PDB file of all heavy atoms in Angstrom:
ATOM      1  N   ILE A   1      -7.309   6.109   0.411  1.00  0.00           N
ATOM      2  CA  ILE A   1      -6.564   5.988  -0.849  1.00  0.00           C
ATOM      3  C   ILE A   1      -6.903   7.151  -1.784  1.00  0.00           C
ATOM      4  O   ILE A   1      -6.016   7.752  -2.406  1.00  0.00           O
ATOM      5  CB  ILE A   1      -6.885   4.634  -1.533  1.00  0.00           C
ATOM      6  CG1 ILE A   1      -6.348   3.486  -0.681  1.00  0.00           C
ATOM      7  CG2 ILE A   1      -6.286   4.593  -2.933  1.00  0.00           C
ATOM      8  CD1 ILE A   1      -6.781   2.112  -1.150  1.00  0.00           C
ATOM      9  N   ARG A   2      -8.199   7.470  -1.848  1.00  0.00           N
ATOM     10  CA  ARG A   2      -8.628   8.584  -2.711  1.00  0.00           C
ATOM     11  C   ARG A   2      -7.996   9.892  -2.256  1.00  0.00           C
ATOM     12  O   ARG A   2      -7.501  10.680  -3.066  1.00  0.00           O
ATOM     13  CB  ARG A   2     -10.147   8.654  -2.682  1.00  0.00           C
ATOM     14  CG  ARG A   2     -10.748   9.787  -3.511  1.00  0.00           C
ATOM     15  CD  ARG A   2     -11.126  10.951  -2.608  1.00  0.00           C
ATOM     16  NE  ARG A   2     -11.726  12.040  -3.355  1.00  0.00           N
ATOM     17  CZ  ARG A   2     -11.835  13.273  -2.902  1.00  0.00           C
ATOM     18  NH1 ARG A   2     -11.345  13.596  -1.704  1.00  0.00           N
ATOM     19  NH2 ARG A   2     -12.407  14.211  -3.631  1.00  0.00           N
ATOM     20  N   ASP A   3      -8.001  10.139  -0.927  1.00  0.00           N
ATOM     21  CA  ASP A   3      -7.423  11.377  -0.397  1.00  0.00           C
ATOM     22  C   ASP A   3      -5.922  11.451  -0.668  1.00  0.00           C
ATOM     23  O   ASP A   3      -5.379  12.512  -0.979  1.00  0.00           O
ATOM     24  CB  ASP A   3      -7.677  11.485   1.119  1.00  0.00           C
ATOM     25  CG  ASP A   3      -9.153  11.726   1.425  1.00  0.00           C
ATOM     26  OD1 ASP A   3      -9.895  12.080   0.498  1.00  0.00           O
ATOM     27  OD2 ASP A   3      -9.547  11.540   2.595  1.00  0.00           O
ATOM     28  N   PHE A   4      -5.235  10.299  -0.532  1.00  0.00           N
ATOM     29  CA  PHE A   4      -3.782  10.291  -0.745  1.00  0.00           C
ATOM     30  C   PHE A   4      -3.428  10.568  -2.215  1.00  0.00           C
ATOM     31  O   PHE A   4      -2.479  11.292  -2.520  1.00  0.00           O
ATOM     32  CB  PHE A   4      -3.212   8.948  -0.306  1.00  0.00           C
ATOM     33  CG  PHE A   4      -1.724   8.870  -0.423  1.00  0.00           C
ATOM     34  CD1 PHE A   4      -0.905   9.507   0.500  1.00  0.00           C
ATOM     35  CD2 PHE A   4      -1.127   8.166  -1.472  1.00  0.00           C
ATOM     36  CE1 PHE A   4       0.478   9.452   0.386  1.00  0.00           C
ATOM     37  CE2 PHE A   4       0.256   8.114  -1.585  1.00  0.00           C
ATOM     38  CZ  PHE A   4       1.068   8.755  -0.660  1.00  0.00           C
ATOM     39  N   ILE A   5      -4.218   9.977  -3.129  1.00  0.00           N
ATOM     40  CA  ILE A   5      -3.945  10.152  -4.554  1.00  0.00           C
ATOM     41  C   ILE A   5      -4.240  11.586  -5.005  1.00  0.00           C
ATOM     42  O   ILE A   5      -3.451  12.201  -5.733  1.00  0.00           O
ATOM     43  CB  ILE A   5      -4.761   9.151  -5.393  1.00  0.00           C
ATOM     44  CG1 ILE A   5      -4.269   7.716  -5.126  1.00  0.00           C
ATOM     45  CG2 ILE A   5      -4.654   9.474  -6.888  1.00  0.00           C
ATOM     46  CD1 ILE A   5      -5.103   6.643  -5.789  1.00  0.00           C
ATOM     47  N   LEU A   6      -5.384  12.117  -4.568  1.00  0.00           N
ATOM     48  CA  LEU A   6      -5.801  13.437  -5.042  1.00  0.00           C
ATOM     49  C   LEU A   6      -5.220  14.590  -4.229  1.00  0.00           C
ATOM     50  O   LEU A   6      -5.013  15.677  -4.755  1.00  0.00           O
ATOM     51  CB  LEU A   6      -7.331  13.525  -5.038  1.00  0.00           C
ATOM     52  CG  LEU A   6      -8.068  12.554  -5.971  1.00  0.00           C
ATOM     53  CD1 LEU A   6      -9.572  12.768  -5.876  1.00  0.00           C
ATOM     54  CD2 LEU A   6      -7.597  12.689  -7.416  1.00  0.00           C
ATOM     55  N   GLU A   7      -4.985  14.343  -2.924  1.00  0.00           N
ATOM     56  CA  GLU A   7      -4.567  15.449  -2.064  1.00  0.00           C
ATOM     57  C   GLU A   7      -3.223  15.203  -1.389  1.00  0.00           C
ATOM     58  O   GLU A   7      -2.764  16.027  -0.587  1.00  0.00           O
ATOM     59  CB  GLU A   7      -5.644  15.709  -1.009  1.00  0.00           C
ATOM     60  CG  GLU A   7      -7.016  16.021  -1.614  1.00  0.00           C
ATOM     61  CD  GLU A   7      -8.092  16.148  -0.550  1.00  0.00           C
ATOM     62  OE1 GLU A   7      -7.737  16.215   0.643  1.00  0.00           O
ATOM     63  OE2 GLU A   7      -9.281  16.169  -0.916  1.00  0.00           O
ATOM     64  N   SER A   8      -2.623  14.070  -1.681  1.00  0.00           N
ATOM     65  CA  SER A   8      -1.316  13.694  -1.105  1.00  0.00           C
ATOM     66  C   SER A   8      -1.315  13.716   0.421  1.00  0.00           C
ATOM     67  O   SER A   8      -0.323  14.057   1.058  1.00  0.00           O
ATOM     68  CB  SER A   8      -0.217  14.643  -1.634  1.00  0.00           C
ATOM     69  OG  SER A   8      -0.122  14.557  -3.032  1.00  0.00           O
ATOM     70  N   THR A   9      -2.433  13.358   1.001  1.00  0.00           N
ATOM     71  CA  THR A   9      -2.529  13.310   2.462  1.00  0.00           C
ATOM     72  C   THR A   9      -3.628  12.327   2.853  1.00  0.00           C
ATOM     73  O   THR A   9      -4.521  12.009   2.054  1.00  0.00           O
ATOM     74  CB  THR A   9      -2.856  14.686   3.045  1.00  0.00           C
ATOM     75  OG1 THR A   9      -2.866  14.594   4.478  1.00  0.00           O
ATOM     76  CG2 THR A   9      -4.214  15.182   2.581  1.00  0.00           C
ATOM     77  N   PHE A  10      -3.563  11.821   4.067  1.00  0.00           N
ATOM     78  CA  PHE A  10      -4.606  10.943   4.579  1.00  0.00           C
ATOM     79  C   PHE A  10      -5.620  11.793   5.341  1.00  0.00           C
ATOM     80  O   PHE A  10      -5.291  12.384   6.380  1.00  0.00           O
ATOM     81  CB  PHE A  10      -4.020   9.871   5.504  1.00  0.00           C
ATOM     82  CG  PHE A  10      -3.191   8.853   4.771  1.00  0.00           C
ATOM     83  CD1 PHE A  10      -1.819   8.791   4.967  1.00  0.00           C
ATOM     84  CD2 PHE A  10      -3.779   7.966   3.887  1.00  0.00           C
ATOM     85  CE1 PHE A  10      -1.044   7.852   4.297  1.00  0.00           C
ATOM     86  CE2 PHE A  10      -3.014   7.027   3.209  1.00  0.00           C
ATOM     87  CZ  PHE A  10      -1.643   6.975   3.409  1.00  0.00           C
ATOM     88  N   GLY A  11      -6.869  11.833   4.825  1.00  0.00           N
ATOM     89  CA  GLY A  11      -7.882  12.674   5.433  1.00  0.00           C
ATOM     90  C   GLY A  11      -8.456  12.095   6.714  1.00  0.00           C
ATOM     91  O   GLY A  11      -8.373  10.888   6.989  1.00  0.00           O
ATOM     92  N   LEU A  12      -9.030  12.970   7.507  1.00  0.00           N
ATOM     93  CA  LEU A  12      -9.646  12.564   8.780  1.00  0.00           C
ATOM     94  C   LEU A  12     -10.887  11.704   8.559  1.00  0.00           C
ATOM     95  O   LEU A  12     -11.184  10.808   9.352  1.00  0.00           O
ATOM     96  CB  LEU A  12     -10.002  13.816   9.590  1.00  0.00           C
ATOM     97  CG  LEU A  12     -10.632  13.585  10.967  1.00  0.00           C
ATOM     98  CD1 LEU A  12      -9.686  12.799  11.872  1.00  0.00           C
ATOM     99  CD2 LEU A  12     -11.012  14.917  11.602  1.00  0.00           C
ATOM    100  N   GLY A  13     -11.610  11.972   7.465  1.00  0.00           N
ATOM    101  CA  GLY A  13     -12.855  11.239   7.201  1.00  0.00           C
ATOM    102  C   GLY A  13     -12.633   9.747   7.066  1.00  0.00           C
ATOM    103  O   GLY A  13     -13.352   8.936   7.673  1.00  0.00           O
ATOM    104  N   GLY A  14     -11.647   9.348   6.271  1.00  0.00           N
ATOM    105  CA  GLY A  14     -11.364   7.924   6.092  1.00  0.00           C
ATOM    106  C   GLY A  14     -10.946   7.258   7.379  1.00  0.00           C
ATOM    107  O   GLY A  14     -11.377   6.140   7.692  1.00  0.00           O
ATOM    108  N   ALA A  15     -10.116   7.925   8.144  1.00  0.00           N
ATOM    109  CA  ALA A  15      -9.652   7.368   9.422  1.00  0.00           C
ATOM    110  C   ALA A  15     -10.822   7.192  10.393  1.00  0.00           C
ATOM    111  O   ALA A  15     -10.903   6.207  11.135  1.00  0.00           O
ATOM    112  CB  ALA A  15      -8.586   8.273  10.025  1.00  0.00           C
ATOM    113  N   THR A  16     -11.730   8.162  10.392  1.00  0.00           N
ATOM    114  CA  THR A  16     -12.893   8.091  11.275  1.00  0.00           C
ATOM    115  C   THR A  16     -13.785   6.904  10.914  1.00  0.00           C
ATOM    116  O   THR A  16     -14.289   6.190  11.797  1.00  0.00           O
ATOM    117  CB  THR A  16     -13.713   9.394  11.188  1.00  0.00           C
ATOM    118  OG1 THR A  16     -12.879  10.497  11.534  1.00  0.00           O
ATOM    119  CG2 THR A  16     -14.910   9.335  12.119  1.00  0.00           C
ATOM    120  N   ILE A  17     -13.993   6.675   9.612  1.00  0.00           N
ATOM    121  CA  ILE A  17     -14.826   5.552   9.162  1.00  0.00           C
ATOM    122  C   ILE A  17     -14.188   4.223   9.555  1.00  0.00           C
ATOM    123  O   ILE A  17     -14.864   3.298  10.021  1.00  0.00           O
ATOM    124  CB  ILE A  17     -15.042   5.627   7.635  1.00  0.00           C
ATOM    125  CG1 ILE A  17     -15.856   6.874   7.283  1.00  0.00           C
ATOM    126  CG2 ILE A  17     -15.769   4.384   7.139  1.00  0.00           C
ATOM    127  CD1 ILE A  17     -15.992   7.120   5.789  1.00  0.00           C
ATOM    128  N   ILE A  18     -12.870   4.108   9.390  1.00  0.00           N
ATOM    129  CA  ILE A  18     -12.169   2.871   9.778  1.00  0.00           C
ATOM    130  C   ILE A  18     -12.267   2.640  11.280  1.00  0.00           C
ATOM    131  O   ILE A  18     -12.496   1.519  11.740  1.00  0.00           O
ATOM    132  CB  ILE A  18     -10.698   2.931   9.324  1.00  0.00           C
ATOM    133  CG1 ILE A  18     -10.612   2.822   7.798  1.00  0.00           C
ATOM    134  CG2 ILE A  18      -9.882   1.817   9.984  1.00  0.00           C
ATOM    135  CD1 ILE A  18      -9.212   2.923   7.242  1.00  0.00           C
ATOM    136  N   LEU A  19     -12.107   3.691  12.059  1.00  0.00           N
ATOM    137  CA  LEU A  19     -12.230   3.575  13.509  1.00  0.00           C
ATOM    138  C   LEU A  19     -13.638   3.110  13.897  1.00  0.00           C
ATOM    139  O   LEU A  19     -13.798   2.264  14.785  1.00  0.00           O
ATOM    140  CB  LEU A  19     -11.924   4.919  14.173  1.00  0.00           C
ATOM    141  CG  LEU A  19     -12.015   4.958  15.708  1.00  0.00           C
ATOM    142  CD1 LEU A  19     -11.034   3.967  16.326  1.00  0.00           C
ATOM    143  CD2 LEU A  19     -11.753   6.368  16.227  1.00  0.00           C
ATOM    144  N   ALA A  20     -14.651   3.648  13.210  1.00  0.00           N
ATOM    145  CA  ALA A  20     -16.037   3.241  13.483  1.00  0.00           C
ATOM    146  C   ALA A  20     -16.239   1.764  13.150  1.00  0.00           C
ATOM    147  O   ALA A  20     -16.928   1.037  13.883  1.00  0.00           O
ATOM    148  CB  ALA A  20     -16.996   4.109  12.673  1.00  0.00           C
ATOM    149  N   SER A  21     -15.625   1.302  12.055  1.00  0.00           N
ATOM    150  CA  SER A  21     -15.755  -0.105  11.666  1.00  0.00           C
ATOM    151  C   SER A  21     -15.146  -1.024  12.725  1.00  0.00           C
ATOM    152  O   SER A  21     -15.698  -2.083  13.032  1.00  0.00           O
ATOM    153  CB  SER A  21     -15.088  -0.342  10.309  1.00  0.00           C
ATOM    154  OG  SER A  21     -13.675  -0.327  10.417  1.00  0.00           O
ATOM    155  N   ILE A  22     -14.009  -0.610  13.286  1.00  0.00           N
ATOM    156  CA  ILE A  22     -13.358  -1.412  14.331  1.00  0.00           C
ATOM    157  C   ILE A  22     -14.220  -1.453  15.594  1.00  0.00           C
ATOM    158  O   ILE A  22     -14.378  -2.500  16.228  1.00  0.00           O
ATOM    159  CB  ILE A  22     -11.963  -0.842  14.645  1.00  0.00           C
ATOM    160  CG1 ILE A  22     -11.050  -0.983  13.415  1.00  0.00           C
ATOM    161  CG2 ILE A  22     -11.339  -1.547  15.845  1.00  0.00           C
ATOM    162  CD1 ILE A  22      -9.706  -0.286  13.563  1.00  0.00           C
ATOM    163  N   GLN A  23     -14.812  -0.329  15.940  1.00  0.00           N
ATOM    164  CA  GLN A  23     -15.679  -0.273  17.121  1.00  0.00           C
ATOM    165  C   GLN A  23     -16.911  -1.161  16.946  1.00  0.00           C
ATOM    166  O   GLN A  23     -17.332  -1.854  17.888  1.00  0.00           O
ATOM    167  CB  GLN A  23     -16.099   1.176  17.378  1.00  0.00           C
ATOM    168  CG  GLN A  23     -14.969   2.072  17.865  1.00  0.00           C
ATOM    169  CD  GLN A  23     -15.397   3.513  18.027  1.00  0.00           C
ATOM    170  OE1 GLN A  23     -16.249   4.013  17.291  1.00  0.00           O
ATOM    171  NE2 GLN A  23     -14.792   4.198  18.994  1.00  0.00           N
ATOM    172  N   ILE A  24     -17.491  -1.146  15.753  1.00  0.00           N
ATOM    173  CA  ILE A  24     -18.659  -1.984  15.480  1.00  0.00           C
ATOM    174  C   ILE A  24     -18.291  -3.461  15.560  1.00  0.00           C
ATOM    175  O   ILE A  24     -19.050  -4.281  16.094  1.00  0.00           O
ATOM    176  CB  ILE A  24     -19.255  -1.637  14.095  1.00  0.00           C
ATOM    177  CG1 ILE A  24     -19.900  -0.255  14.135  1.00  0.00           C
ATOM    178  CG2 ILE A  24     -20.276  -2.687  13.662  1.00  0.00           C
ATOM    179  CD1 ILE A  24     -20.367   0.254  12.785  1.00  0.00           C
ATOM    180  N   ALA A  25     -17.107  -3.831  15.049  1.00  0.00           N
ATOM    181  CA  ALA A  25     -16.653  -5.219  15.119  1.00  0.00           C
ATOM    182  C   ALA A  25     -16.490  -5.662  16.573  1.00  0.00           C
ATOM    183  O   ALA A  25     -16.926  -6.756  16.956  1.00  0.00           O
ATOM    184  CB  ALA A  25     -15.334  -5.367  14.366  1.00  0.00           C
ATOM    185  N   PHE A  26     -15.862  -4.824  17.391  1.00  0.00           N
ATOM    186  CA  PHE A  26     -15.681  -5.152  18.806  1.00  0.00           C
ATOM    187  C   PHE A  26     -17.030  -5.236  19.535  1.00  0.00           C
ATOM    188  O   PHE A  26     -17.211  -6.065  20.430  1.00  0.00           O
ATOM    189  CB  PHE A  26     -14.776  -4.130  19.487  1.00  0.00           C
ATOM    190  CG  PHE A  26     -13.317  -4.416  19.317  1.00  0.00           C
ATOM    191  CD1 PHE A  26     -12.483  -3.547  18.619  1.00  0.00           C
ATOM    192  CD2 PHE A  26     -12.756  -5.576  19.845  1.00  0.00           C
ATOM    193  CE1 PHE A  26     -11.135  -3.822  18.447  1.00  0.00           C
ATOM    194  CE2 PHE A  26     -11.406  -5.856  19.693  1.00  0.00           C
ATOM    195  CZ  PHE A  26     -10.601  -4.980  18.982  1.00  0.00           C
ATOM    196  N   LEU A  27     -17.977  -4.387  19.136  1.00  0.00           N
ATOM    197  CA  LEU A  27     -19.312  -4.431  19.732  1.00  0.00           C
ATOM    198  C   LEU A  27     -19.989  -5.763  19.420  1.00  0.00           C
ATOM    199  O   LEU A  27     -20.626  -6.377  20.290  1.00  0.00           O
ATOM    200  CB  LEU A  27     -20.151  -3.270  19.208  1.00  0.00           C
ATOM    201  CG  LEU A  27     -21.572  -3.137  19.773  1.00  0.00           C
ATOM    202  CD1 LEU A  27     -21.520  -2.901  21.282  1.00  0.00           C
ATOM    203  CD2 LEU A  27     -22.311  -1.986  19.090  1.00  0.00           C
ATOM    204  N   GLY A  28     -19.849  -6.220  18.161  1.00  0.00           N
ATOM    205  CA  GLY A  28     -20.412  -7.511  17.783  1.00  0.00           C
ATOM    206  C   GLY A  28     -19.769  -8.659  18.537  1.00  0.00           C
ATOM    207  O   GLY A  28     -20.451  -9.583  18.990  1.00  0.00           O
ATOM    208  N   ILE A  29     -18.443  -8.620  18.688  1.00  0.00           N
ATOM    209  CA  ILE A  29     -17.731  -9.666  19.425  1.00  0.00           C
ATOM    210  C   ILE A  29     -18.168  -9.690  20.887  1.00  0.00           C
ATOM    211  O   ILE A  29     -18.394 -10.755  21.472  1.00  0.00           O
ATOM    212  CB  ILE A  29     -16.207  -9.440  19.327  1.00  0.00           C
ATOM    213  CG1 ILE A  29     -15.734  -9.652  17.887  1.00  0.00           C
ATOM    214  CG2 ILE A  29     -15.454 -10.364  20.277  1.00  0.00           C
ATOM    215  CD1 ILE A  29     -14.306  -9.244  17.645  1.00  0.00           C
ATOM    216  N   LEU A  30     -18.303  -8.510  21.484  1.00  0.00           N
ATOM    217  CA  LEU A  30     -18.748  -8.418  22.881  1.00  0.00           C
ATOM    218  C   LEU A  30     -20.149  -8.987  23.050  1.00  0.00           C
ATOM    219  O   LEU A  30     -20.419  -9.740  23.990  1.00  0.00           O
ATOM    220  CB  LEU A  30     -18.710  -6.956  23.336  1.00  0.00           C
ATOM    221  CG  LEU A  30     -19.178  -6.678  24.770  1.00  0.00           C
ATOM    222  CD1 LEU A  30     -18.285  -7.414  25.769  1.00  0.00           C
ATOM    223  CD2 LEU A  30     -19.181  -5.183  25.056  1.00  0.00           C
TER     224      LEU A  30
END
């Protein structure tokens, strides 16, 4: 959200953090 508001684009950093959160959730479920 911060990247979109300030830079009008979705940055790689935010996407990477979200992907990591999903992987951690799946690891916990496993």
